[in-house]
């Protein structure tokens, strides 16, 4: 998957059924009904997520590279 910003990753999460639970500062916390997983996505303008963090989020949410 190409590098994306926090804002772009939020759009991908929402397309896969994740809902915004709360915002604290620049971190947007998402959850999905029936899943104990919570994802805290940093939104710092248009800066890209680091590759390792993006892979970690995708693994936790079950989003495949070709699905985004």
N, C-alpha and C. Protein backbone atom coordinates (compact mmCIF):
# COMPACT_ATOMS: atom_id res chain seq x y z
N UNK A 1 0.84 -1.18 0.00
CA UNK A 1 0.00 0.00 0.00
C UNK A 1 0.88 1.24 0.00
N UNK A 2 0.48 2.20 -0.77
CA UNK A 2 1.24 3.45 -0.80
C UNK A 2 1.06 4.20 0.52
N UNK A 3 2.04 5.01 0.89
CA UNK A 3 1.90 5.78 2.13
C UNK A 3 0.72 6.74 2.04
N UNK A 4 -0.03 6.83 3.15
CA UNK A 4 -1.18 7.73 3.19
C UNK A 4 -1.09 8.60 4.44
N UNK A 5 -1.79 9.71 4.42
CA UNK A 5 -1.83 10.58 5.59
C UNK A 5 -2.87 10.03 6.57
N UNK A 6 -2.88 10.59 7.76
CA UNK A 6 -3.87 10.18 8.75
C UNK A 6 -5.28 10.43 8.26
N UNK A 7 -5.50 11.57 7.59
CA UNK A 7 -6.82 11.90 7.06
C UNK A 7 -7.28 10.87 6.03
N UNK A 8 -6.36 10.47 5.15
CA UNK A 8 -6.70 9.48 4.11
C UNK A 8 -6.98 8.12 4.75
N UNK A 9 -6.20 7.76 5.78
CA UNK A 9 -6.41 6.46 6.42
C UNK A 9 -7.76 6.43 7.15
N UNK A 10 -8.17 7.56 7.70
CA UNK A 10 -9.48 7.64 8.35
C UNK A 10 -10.59 7.34 7.34
N UNK A 11 -10.47 7.87 6.13
CA UNK A 11 -11.47 7.60 5.09
C UNK A 11 -11.53 6.11 4.77
N UNK A 12 -10.36 5.45 4.73
CA UNK A 12 -10.31 4.01 4.46
C UNK A 12 -10.98 3.25 5.59
N UNK A 13 -10.70 3.64 6.84
CA UNK A 13 -11.34 2.98 7.98
C UNK A 13 -12.85 3.10 7.92
N UNK A 14 -13.34 4.30 7.63
CA UNK A 14 -14.78 4.53 7.58
C UNK A 14 -15.45 3.72 6.47
N UNK A 15 -14.75 3.51 5.36
CA UNK A 15 -15.28 2.69 4.27
C UNK A 15 -15.42 1.23 4.69
N UNK A 16 -14.63 0.81 5.69
CA UNK A 16 -14.66 -0.57 6.16
C UNK A 16 -15.48 -0.72 7.44
N UNK A 17 -16.30 0.27 7.78
CA UNK A 17 -17.23 0.15 8.89
C UNK A 17 -16.73 0.61 10.24
N UNK A 18 -15.57 1.23 10.31
CA UNK A 18 -15.05 1.73 11.59
C UNK A 18 -15.70 3.08 11.87
N UNK A 19 -16.01 3.32 13.15
CA UNK A 19 -16.69 4.55 13.57
C UNK A 19 -15.79 5.36 14.50
N UNK A 20 -15.86 6.67 14.37
CA UNK A 20 -15.11 7.58 15.23
C UNK A 20 -15.75 7.56 16.62
N UNK A 21 -14.95 7.22 17.64
CA UNK A 21 -15.46 7.17 19.01
C UNK A 21 -15.18 8.47 19.76
N UNK A 22 -13.98 9.00 19.58
CA UNK A 22 -13.62 10.25 20.26
C UNK A 22 -12.38 10.84 19.62
N UNK A 23 -12.13 12.10 19.94
CA UNK A 23 -10.94 12.81 19.46
C UNK A 23 -10.28 13.44 20.68
N UNK A 24 -8.99 13.21 20.83
CA UNK A 24 -8.24 13.86 21.90
C UNK A 24 -7.00 14.46 21.25
N UNK A 25 -7.02 15.77 21.12
CA UNK A 25 -5.92 16.45 20.46
C UNK A 25 -5.90 16.09 18.99
N UNK A 26 -4.77 15.57 18.53
CA UNK A 26 -4.65 15.21 17.12
C UNK A 26 -4.87 13.72 16.88
N UNK A 27 -5.32 12.98 17.90
CA UNK A 27 -5.53 11.54 17.75
C UNK A 27 -7.01 11.22 17.70
N UNK A 28 -7.40 10.56 16.62
CA UNK A 28 -8.79 10.16 16.41
C UNK A 28 -8.89 8.68 16.73
N UNK A 29 -9.76 8.33 17.67
CA UNK A 29 -9.89 6.96 18.13
C UNK A 29 -11.11 6.32 17.46
N UNK A 30 -10.87 5.19 16.81
CA UNK A 30 -11.91 4.47 16.08
C UNK A 30 -12.16 3.10 16.69
N UNK A 31 -13.40 2.65 16.56
CA UNK A 31 -13.77 1.32 16.99
C UNK A 31 -14.79 0.74 16.03
N UNK A 32 -15.00 -0.56 16.16
CA UNK A 32 -15.97 -1.23 15.30
C UNK A 32 -16.83 -2.11 16.19
N UNK A 33 -18.13 -2.08 15.97
CA UNK A 33 -19.04 -2.86 16.78
C UNK A 33 -18.70 -4.34 16.69
N UNK A 34 -18.62 -4.99 17.84
CA UNK A 34 -18.30 -6.41 17.88
C UNK A 34 -16.81 -6.69 17.94
N UNK A 35 -15.98 -5.65 17.93
CA UNK A 35 -14.53 -5.83 17.96
C UNK A 35 -13.96 -5.10 19.17
N UNK A 36 -13.10 -5.75 19.94
CA UNK A 36 -12.48 -5.08 21.09
C UNK A 36 -11.34 -4.13 20.68
N UNK A 37 -10.98 -4.12 19.41
CA UNK A 37 -9.84 -3.34 18.92
C UNK A 37 -10.21 -1.85 18.86
N UNK A 38 -9.30 -1.00 19.33
CA UNK A 38 -9.42 0.44 19.21
C UNK A 38 -8.18 0.94 18.47
N UNK A 39 -8.38 1.81 17.50
CA UNK A 39 -7.29 2.34 16.69
C UNK A 39 -7.20 3.85 16.94
N UNK A 40 -6.02 4.32 17.31
CA UNK A 40 -5.79 5.74 17.55
C UNK A 40 -4.94 6.28 16.40
N UNK A 41 -5.59 6.97 15.46
CA UNK A 41 -4.93 7.46 14.25
C UNK A 41 -4.44 8.89 14.47
N UNK A 42 -3.13 9.13 14.35
CA UNK A 42 -2.64 10.50 14.47
C UNK A 42 -2.92 11.30 13.20
N UNK A 43 -3.51 12.47 13.36
CA UNK A 43 -3.81 13.34 12.22
C UNK A 43 -3.00 14.61 12.40
N UNK A 44 -1.90 14.70 11.69
CA UNK A 44 -1.02 15.85 11.76
C UNK A 44 -0.95 16.51 10.39
N UNK A 45 -1.99 17.25 10.06
CA UNK A 45 -2.04 17.91 8.75
C UNK A 45 -2.03 16.89 7.63
N UNK A 46 -1.14 17.08 6.68
CA UNK A 46 -1.06 16.16 5.55
C UNK A 46 0.18 15.27 5.63
N UNK A 47 0.79 15.16 6.83
CA UNK A 47 1.98 14.32 6.94
C UNK A 47 1.58 12.84 6.87
N UNK A 48 2.42 12.07 6.23
CA UNK A 48 2.15 10.65 6.00
C UNK A 48 2.37 9.82 7.27
N UNK A 49 1.57 8.75 7.39
CA UNK A 49 1.80 7.80 8.47
C UNK A 49 3.09 7.05 8.19
N UNK A 50 3.82 6.70 9.23
CA UNK A 50 5.03 5.91 9.02
C UNK A 50 4.62 4.52 8.58
N UNK A 51 5.47 3.89 7.78
CA UNK A 51 5.13 2.60 7.16
C UNK A 51 4.79 1.53 8.19
N UNK A 52 5.57 1.45 9.25
CA UNK A 52 5.32 0.43 10.27
C UNK A 52 4.00 0.63 10.99
N UNK A 53 3.67 1.87 11.29
CA UNK A 53 2.41 2.18 11.95
C UNK A 53 1.24 1.86 11.03
N UNK A 54 1.37 2.21 9.78
CA UNK A 54 0.31 1.93 8.80
C UNK A 54 0.09 0.42 8.67
N UNK A 55 1.17 -0.36 8.59
CA UNK A 55 1.05 -1.82 8.51
C UNK A 55 0.39 -2.38 9.76
N UNK A 56 0.76 -1.84 10.93
CA UNK A 56 0.19 -2.29 12.20
C UNK A 56 -1.32 -2.05 12.22
N UNK A 57 -1.75 -0.84 11.81
CA UNK A 57 -3.17 -0.53 11.77
C UNK A 57 -3.91 -1.48 10.83
N UNK A 58 -3.32 -1.74 9.67
CA UNK A 58 -3.97 -2.59 8.68
C UNK A 58 -4.10 -4.02 9.21
N UNK A 59 -3.08 -4.49 9.91
CA UNK A 59 -3.13 -5.84 10.48
C UNK A 59 -4.21 -5.92 11.55
N UNK A 60 -4.28 -4.90 12.43
CA UNK A 60 -5.27 -4.90 13.50
C UNK A 60 -6.69 -4.81 12.98
N UNK A 61 -6.90 -4.06 11.92
CA UNK A 61 -8.25 -3.86 11.40
C UNK A 61 -8.67 -4.90 10.38
N UNK A 62 -7.72 -5.70 9.91
CA UNK A 62 -8.04 -6.72 8.91
C UNK A 62 -8.17 -6.17 7.50
N UNK A 63 -7.67 -4.98 7.26
CA UNK A 63 -7.73 -4.38 5.92
C UNK A 63 -6.53 -4.86 5.12
N UNK A 64 -6.80 -5.41 3.96
CA UNK A 64 -5.73 -5.89 3.08
C UNK A 64 -5.23 -4.73 2.21
N UNK A 65 -4.01 -4.86 1.73
CA UNK A 65 -3.43 -3.80 0.90
C UNK A 65 -4.25 -3.52 -0.36
N UNK A 66 -4.80 -4.56 -0.96
CA UNK A 66 -5.55 -4.37 -2.20
C UNK A 66 -6.98 -3.87 -1.95
N UNK A 67 -7.42 -3.82 -0.69
CA UNK A 67 -8.77 -3.37 -0.38
C UNK A 67 -8.89 -1.86 -0.24
N UNK A 68 -7.77 -1.19 0.00
CA UNK A 68 -7.83 0.25 0.29
C UNK A 68 -7.97 1.08 -0.95
